[in-house]
Protein backbone atom coordinates (compact mmCIF):
# COMPACT_ATOMS: atom_id res chain seq x y z
CA UNK A 1 9.62 88.07 6.16
CA UNK A 2 12.50 90.23 7.32
CA UNK A 3 11.63 93.36 9.24
CA UNK A 4 13.14 96.10 11.31
CA UNK A 5 11.96 99.10 13.25
CA UNK A 6 14.21 102.02 14.12
CA UNK A 7 14.06 103.76 17.46
CA UNK A 8 11.76 106.74 17.25
CA UNK A 9 13.02 110.24 17.84
CA UNK A 10 11.02 113.11 19.35
CA UNK A 11 9.37 115.31 16.75
CA UNK A 12 8.51 118.95 17.17
CA UNK A 13 4.96 120.17 17.23
CA UNK A 14 3.07 120.29 13.97
CA UNK A 15 1.00 122.98 12.38
CA UNK A 16 -2.32 122.47 10.70
CA UNK A 17 -1.18 123.29 7.18
CA UNK A 18 -3.55 122.42 4.38
CA UNK A 19 -3.25 121.69 0.70
CA UNK A 20 -5.57 123.65 -1.55
CA UNK A 21 -8.21 121.57 -3.32
CA UNK A 22 -11.43 122.09 -5.21
CA UNK A 23 -13.78 119.15 -5.46
CA UNK A 24 -11.05 116.80 -4.24
CA UNK A 25 -8.58 117.65 -7.02
CA UNK A 26 -5.20 119.29 -6.46
CA UNK A 27 -4.26 122.67 -7.89
CA UNK A 28 -2.89 121.30 -11.15
CA UNK A 29 -6.31 119.79 -11.87
CA UNK A 30 -8.05 123.01 -11.00
CA UNK A 31 -5.90 124.74 -13.55
CA UNK A 32 -6.91 122.30 -16.24
CA UNK A 33 -10.50 122.44 -15.19
CA UNK A 34 -10.80 126.28 -15.13
CA UNK A 35 23.01 114.50 2.90
CA UNK A 36 23.48 111.33 1.24
CA UNK A 37 23.00 107.90 2.83
CA UNK A 38 26.05 105.78 3.46
CA UNK A 39 27.24 102.55 1.90
CA UNK A 40 26.90 102.59 -1.87
CA UNK A 41 27.87 99.31 -3.52
CA UNK A 42 27.57 97.49 -6.81
CA UNK A 43 24.59 95.37 -5.79
CA UNK A 44 22.21 94.53 -2.99
CA UNK A 45 23.13 91.22 -1.37
CA UNK A 46 21.05 88.52 0.29
CA UNK A 47 17.52 87.28 -0.23
CA UNK A 48 16.09 90.48 1.21
CA UNK A 49 18.97 92.72 0.17
CA UNK A 50 20.19 93.07 3.76
CA UNK A 51 18.58 95.11 6.51
CA UNK A 52 15.41 96.59 4.95
CA UNK A 53 15.68 99.99 6.64
CA UNK A 54 19.31 100.42 5.60
CA UNK A 55 18.58 99.32 2.03
CA UNK A 56 15.75 101.82 1.69
CA UNK A 57 17.82 104.63 3.19
CA UNK A 58 20.31 104.10 0.34
CA UNK A 59 17.75 103.86 -2.48
CA UNK A 60 17.96 107.53 -3.49
CA UNK A 61 21.76 107.32 -3.69
CA UNK A 62 21.49 104.34 -6.03
CA UNK A 63 19.39 106.46 -8.38
CA UNK A 64 21.99 109.22 -8.36
CA UNK A 65 24.63 106.61 -9.25
CA UNK A 66 22.39 105.40 -12.11
CA UNK A 67 22.30 108.92 -13.54
CA UNK A 68 18.89 109.12 -15.16
CA UNK A 69 15.74 107.21 -16.05
CA UNK A 70 12.41 107.44 -17.78
CA UNK A 71 9.45 107.81 -15.44
CA UNK A 72 5.73 107.19 -15.34
CA UNK A 73 3.61 108.58 -12.54
CA UNK A 74 0.07 108.10 -11.32
CA UNK A 75 -1.64 110.04 -8.57
CA UNK A 76 -5.01 108.84 -7.31
CA UNK A 77 -7.02 111.04 -4.97
CA UNK A 78 -10.14 110.12 -3.03
CA UNK A 79 -12.31 112.60 -1.17
CA UNK A 80 -15.99 112.53 -0.26
CA UNK A 81 -16.74 109.61 -2.55
CA UNK A 82 -14.94 111.18 -5.52
CA UNK A 83 -11.88 109.49 -6.96
CA UNK A 84 -9.66 110.92 -9.70
CA UNK A 85 -6.36 109.83 -11.23
CA UNK A 86 -3.71 112.08 -12.79
CA UNK A 87 -1.03 110.46 -14.95
CA UNK A 88 2.38 111.67 -16.05
CA UNK A 89 5.25 110.51 -18.20
CA UNK A 90 8.75 111.84 -18.82
CA UNK A 91 12.42 111.67 -17.88
CA UNK A 92 14.52 112.56 -14.84
CA UNK A 93 18.21 113.29 -14.32
CA UNK A 94 19.00 112.22 -10.75
CA UNK A 95 22.56 113.58 -10.89
CA UNK A 96 21.42 117.09 -11.86
CA UNK A 97 18.03 116.90 -10.07
CA UNK A 98 16.21 117.96 -13.25
CA UNK A 99 13.19 116.37 -14.87
CA UNK A 100 10.38 116.88 -17.34
CA UNK A 101 6.90 115.36 -17.21
CA UNK A 102 3.77 115.60 -19.32
CA UNK A 103 0.90 115.45 -16.84
CA UNK A 104 -2.54 114.47 -18.09
CA UNK A 105 -5.57 115.68 -16.19
CA UNK A 106 -8.57 113.50 -15.33
CA UNK A 107 -11.39 113.13 -17.82
CA UNK A 108 -14.53 115.10 -17.26
CA UNK A 109 -17.76 113.34 -16.13
CA UNK A 110 -18.74 112.69 -19.75
CA UNK A 111 -15.58 110.65 -20.24
CA UNK A 112 -13.77 113.09 -22.46
CA UNK A 113 -10.79 115.34 -21.82
CA UNK A 114 -10.92 118.93 -23.01
CA UNK A 115 -7.57 119.92 -21.54
CA UNK A 116 -4.10 119.73 -22.96
CA UNK A 117 -1.41 117.97 -20.94
CA UNK A 118 0.50 120.22 -18.56
CA UNK A 119 4.25 120.31 -19.12
CA UNK A 120 6.12 120.28 -15.83
CA UNK A 121 9.80 120.97 -15.32
CA UNK A 122 11.26 119.76 -12.02
CA UNK A 123 14.29 121.46 -10.53
CA UNK A 124 15.86 121.76 -7.06
CA UNK A 125 13.45 123.87 -5.04
CA UNK A 126 11.17 124.74 -7.96
CA UNK A 127 8.35 123.46 -10.15
CA UNK A 128 7.60 125.06 -13.53
CA UNK A 129 4.25 124.45 -15.27
CA UNK A 130 3.15 125.28 -18.82
CA UNK A 131 -0.43 125.02 -20.11
CA UNK A 132 -1.31 125.72 -16.50
CA UNK A 133 -4.61 127.36 -17.44
CA UNK A 134 -6.37 129.57 -14.90
CA UNK A 135 -5.69 132.70 -16.96
CA UNK A 136 -2.01 132.00 -17.66
CA UNK A 137 -1.07 132.73 -21.32
CA UNK A 138 -0.20 129.65 -23.37
CA UNK A 139 3.38 130.77 -23.94
CA UNK A 140 4.13 131.46 -20.28
CA UNK A 141 5.34 129.29 -17.42
CA UNK A 142 4.21 129.34 -13.81
CA UNK A 143 7.00 128.93 -11.26
CA UNK A 144 6.27 127.45 -7.83
CA UNK A 145 8.79 127.46 -5.00
CA UNK A 146 8.37 123.95 -3.60
CA UNK A 147 9.47 124.86 -0.09
CA UNK A 148 6.47 127.21 0.07
CA UNK A 149 4.01 124.36 -0.56
CA UNK A 150 2.41 122.75 2.47
CA UNK A 151 2.79 119.38 0.72
CA UNK A 152 6.37 120.00 -0.46
CA UNK A 153 5.22 119.32 -4.04
CA UNK A 154 4.56 115.69 -3.22
CA UNK A 155 0.96 116.29 -4.36
CA UNK A 156 0.42 119.79 -5.77
CA UNK A 157 1.90 119.18 -9.21
CA UNK A 158 -0.29 116.12 -9.79
CA UNK A 159 2.91 114.04 -9.85
CA UNK A 160 5.47 113.45 -7.12
CA UNK A 161 8.96 114.56 -8.12
CA UNK A 162 10.75 111.20 -8.70
CA UNK A 163 13.79 112.17 -6.63
CA UNK A 164 11.62 113.54 -3.83
CA UNK A 165 9.72 110.26 -3.89
CA UNK A 166 13.02 108.42 -3.45
CA UNK A 167 14.20 110.75 -0.69
CA UNK A 168 11.05 110.12 1.32
CA UNK A 169 12.55 106.65 1.86
CA UNK A 170 15.47 108.26 3.73
CA UNK A 171 12.93 108.69 6.51
CA UNK A 172 12.12 104.96 6.71
CA UNK A 173 11.50 103.92 10.31
CA UNK A 174 9.94 100.49 9.89
CA UNK A 175 10.33 98.19 6.90
CA UNK A 176 9.67 94.57 5.98
CA UNK A 177 11.01 92.53 3.10
CA UNK A 178 7.85 91.10 1.54
CA UNK A 179 9.46 88.94 -1.12
CA UNK A 180 10.65 88.78 -4.70
CA UNK A 181 8.43 89.71 -7.63
CA UNK A 182 8.63 91.47 -11.00
CA UNK A 183 7.94 95.00 -12.19
CA UNK A 184 7.65 95.42 -15.95
CA UNK A 185 9.63 92.21 -16.50
CA UNK A 186 12.43 93.16 -14.11
CA UNK A 187 13.15 91.05 -11.02
CA UNK A 188 12.71 93.18 -7.91
CA UNK A 189 12.58 92.98 -4.12
CA UNK A 190 9.36 94.23 -2.59
CA UNK A 191 9.59 96.19 0.68
CA UNK A 192 6.72 97.57 2.72
CA UNK A 193 7.12 100.12 5.48
CA UNK A 194 6.52 103.55 6.92
CA UNK A 195 8.62 106.66 6.49
CA UNK A 196 8.70 109.81 8.59
CA UNK A 197 8.78 113.00 6.54
CA UNK A 198 10.58 115.04 9.20
CA UNK A 199 13.34 112.43 9.38
CA UNK A 200 13.47 112.26 5.57
CA UNK A 201 13.92 116.04 5.42
CA UNK A 202 16.91 115.90 7.75
CA UNK A 203 18.67 113.39 5.49
CA UNK A 204 17.54 114.79 2.14
CA UNK A 205 19.55 116.63 -0.48
CA UNK A 206 19.67 120.42 -0.26
CA UNK A 207 17.08 120.80 -3.03
CA UNK A 208 14.47 118.68 -1.22
CA UNK A 209 15.25 119.39 2.43
CA UNK A 210 12.99 122.39 2.92
CA UNK A 211 10.21 120.98 0.75
CA UNK A 212 10.04 117.71 2.72
CA UNK A 213 10.17 119.65 5.98
CA UNK A 214 7.16 121.67 4.77
CA UNK A 215 5.33 118.45 3.93
CA UNK A 216 6.09 117.07 7.40
CA UNK A 217 4.23 120.05 8.84
CA UNK A 218 1.51 120.32 6.22
CA UNK A 219 0.15 116.78 5.96
CA UNK A 220 -2.34 115.37 8.44
CA UNK A 221 0.46 113.06 9.60
CA UNK A 222 4.17 112.93 8.83
CA UNK A 223 4.00 109.12 8.77
CA UNK A 224 3.90 107.89 5.15
CA UNK A 225 3.13 104.23 4.41
CA UNK A 226 4.85 102.94 1.27
CA UNK A 227 5.57 99.98 -0.94
CA UNK A 228 8.94 100.05 -2.70
CA UNK A 229 10.28 97.71 -5.36
CA UNK A 230 14.08 97.68 -5.81
CA UNK A 231 16.11 95.84 -8.42
CA UNK A 232 19.29 93.86 -7.66
CA UNK A 233 21.36 97.05 -7.80
CA UNK A 234 19.18 98.69 -5.17
CA UNK A 235 17.55 101.11 -7.61
CA UNK A 236 13.89 101.96 -7.23
CA UNK A 237 11.82 100.50 -10.02
CA UNK A 238 8.50 101.36 -8.44
CA UNK A 239 7.43 103.16 -5.28
CA UNK A 240 3.96 103.88 -4.00
CA UNK A 241 3.33 106.36 -1.19
CA UNK A 242 0.07 107.02 0.62
CA UNK A 243 -0.43 110.58 1.84
CA UNK A 244 -3.31 112.03 3.86
CA UNK A 245 -4.18 115.66 4.47
CA UNK A 246 -7.03 118.02 5.24
CA UNK A 247 -8.39 120.49 2.74
CA UNK A 248 -10.29 122.47 5.36
CA UNK A 249 -13.77 121.35 4.32
CA UNK A 250 -16.36 120.77 7.02
CA UNK A 251 -18.87 118.76 5.00
CA UNK A 252 -17.34 115.35 5.51
CA UNK A 253 -14.92 115.70 2.60
CA UNK A 254 -12.14 117.32 4.60
CA UNK A 255 -9.71 114.39 4.55
CA UNK A 256 -8.11 113.62 1.21
CA UNK A 257 -6.30 110.32 0.68
CA UNK A 258 -3.64 110.27 -2.04
CA UNK A 259 -1.83 107.28 -3.50
CA UNK A 260 1.17 108.40 -5.55
CA UNK A 261 2.99 105.85 -7.70
CA UNK A 262 6.30 106.39 -9.52
CA UNK A 263 7.64 103.84 -12.02
CA UNK A 264 11.27 104.12 -13.18
CA UNK A 265 12.78 102.33 -16.17
CA UNK A 266 15.31 102.67 -19.00
CA UNK A 267 18.11 103.86 -16.72
CA UNK A 268 20.70 105.99 -18.49
CA UNK A 269 18.12 107.55 -20.82
CA UNK A 270 19.06 110.91 -22.34
CA UNK A 271 17.61 113.90 -20.49
CA UNK A 272 17.50 117.43 -21.87
CA UNK A 273 15.77 119.95 -19.65
CA UNK A 274 15.94 123.67 -20.37
CA UNK A 275 14.54 125.83 -17.59
CA UNK A 276 12.55 128.92 -18.60
CA UNK A 277 14.13 132.34 -18.78
CA UNK A 278 12.77 135.01 -16.44
CA UNK A 279 10.95 136.66 -19.34
CA UNK A 280 9.04 133.42 -20.01
CA UNK A 281 7.63 133.19 -16.48
CA UNK A 282 4.14 134.58 -15.92
CA UNK A 283 4.14 137.63 -13.68
CA UNK A 284 0.40 138.23 -13.44
CA UNK A 285 -2.34 137.08 -11.15
CA UNK A 286 -3.46 133.47 -11.49
CA UNK A 287 -7.22 133.08 -11.64
CA UNK A 288 -8.67 130.59 -9.19
CA UNK A 289 -11.51 128.14 -9.31
CA UNK A 290 -13.70 127.94 -6.19
CA UNK A 291 -11.59 126.60 -3.36
CA UNK A 292 -8.32 127.08 -5.21
CA UNK A 293 -6.71 129.10 -2.47
CA UNK A 294 -3.24 128.23 -3.67
CA UNK A 295 -3.71 129.82 -7.07
CA UNK A 296 -5.71 132.75 -5.81
CA UNK A 297 -2.88 134.17 -3.76
CA UNK A 298 -0.35 134.38 -6.58
CA UNK A 299 0.31 137.80 -8.03
CA UNK A 300 3.96 137.53 -9.05
CA UNK A 301 3.98 134.41 -11.21
CA UNK A 302 4.61 132.03 -8.32
CA UNK A 303 1.65 130.01 -7.09
CA UNK A 304 0.89 130.34 -3.40
CA UNK A 305 0.70 127.21 -1.31
CA UNK A 306 -2.71 127.44 0.25
CA UNK A 307 -1.44 127.34 3.83
CA UNK A 308 -3.98 128.67 6.30
């Protein structure tokens, strides 16, 4: 295996930001339940694609060069013995930083789902949600400023923004080339490593810089273990991050572990995303389920982040 570790840099002190949960499920579930990297080239060379850290630093730029892709997401959360999975599917334009996902909430304990999928629009610095529930009219959108979220919208929406997921890799400090394998029939190189969110924020695009910086402060640790699978052009085909944070509970369920997986395919797919007009954005108070501190604080149509 080929590996590399970059020299660590001092990091400023961290705050104890928290992500709002209720029963171990992020705010989107509660609603349903009540600076570019250098060196772009045509392909990645060598058995391991070259130096693993350098290859991963460039992965987000390769997606921008690809233009767009279809995406599938899965977010699995475990807290206090409870495990839930939220799934999403849609498209993303990496050049324009715009995407659309249909996010499906977990089934209820009886094995049925009573909730419609949430439509999410992803834009630089913002997340828009429709069918949000929690008292929001069906024809209205909720707008969330991602830089205000203590997780930088890596978790809150129930799906990690595909470009944000790629830009987390700009913070790669250690990485190892595991070997060659396949993802959905495509030959890929598998890398395993750890990224630093604060470092990722410093190298991220303008639309993700503040959000990733917020996540660096809000998570239990800014160190994010990952597995990334890149094709021969250096594009991410699959990436899996593991986040950990505290939801403020004192009953043994305070630490929430999240595994977020993004699968990219059909590069060059057509993407049409129309962001809501101001009149279509909900301006009222968002009702909150118990523990949904993030939703409870919103009175102007933008969900609060649950920082305490």
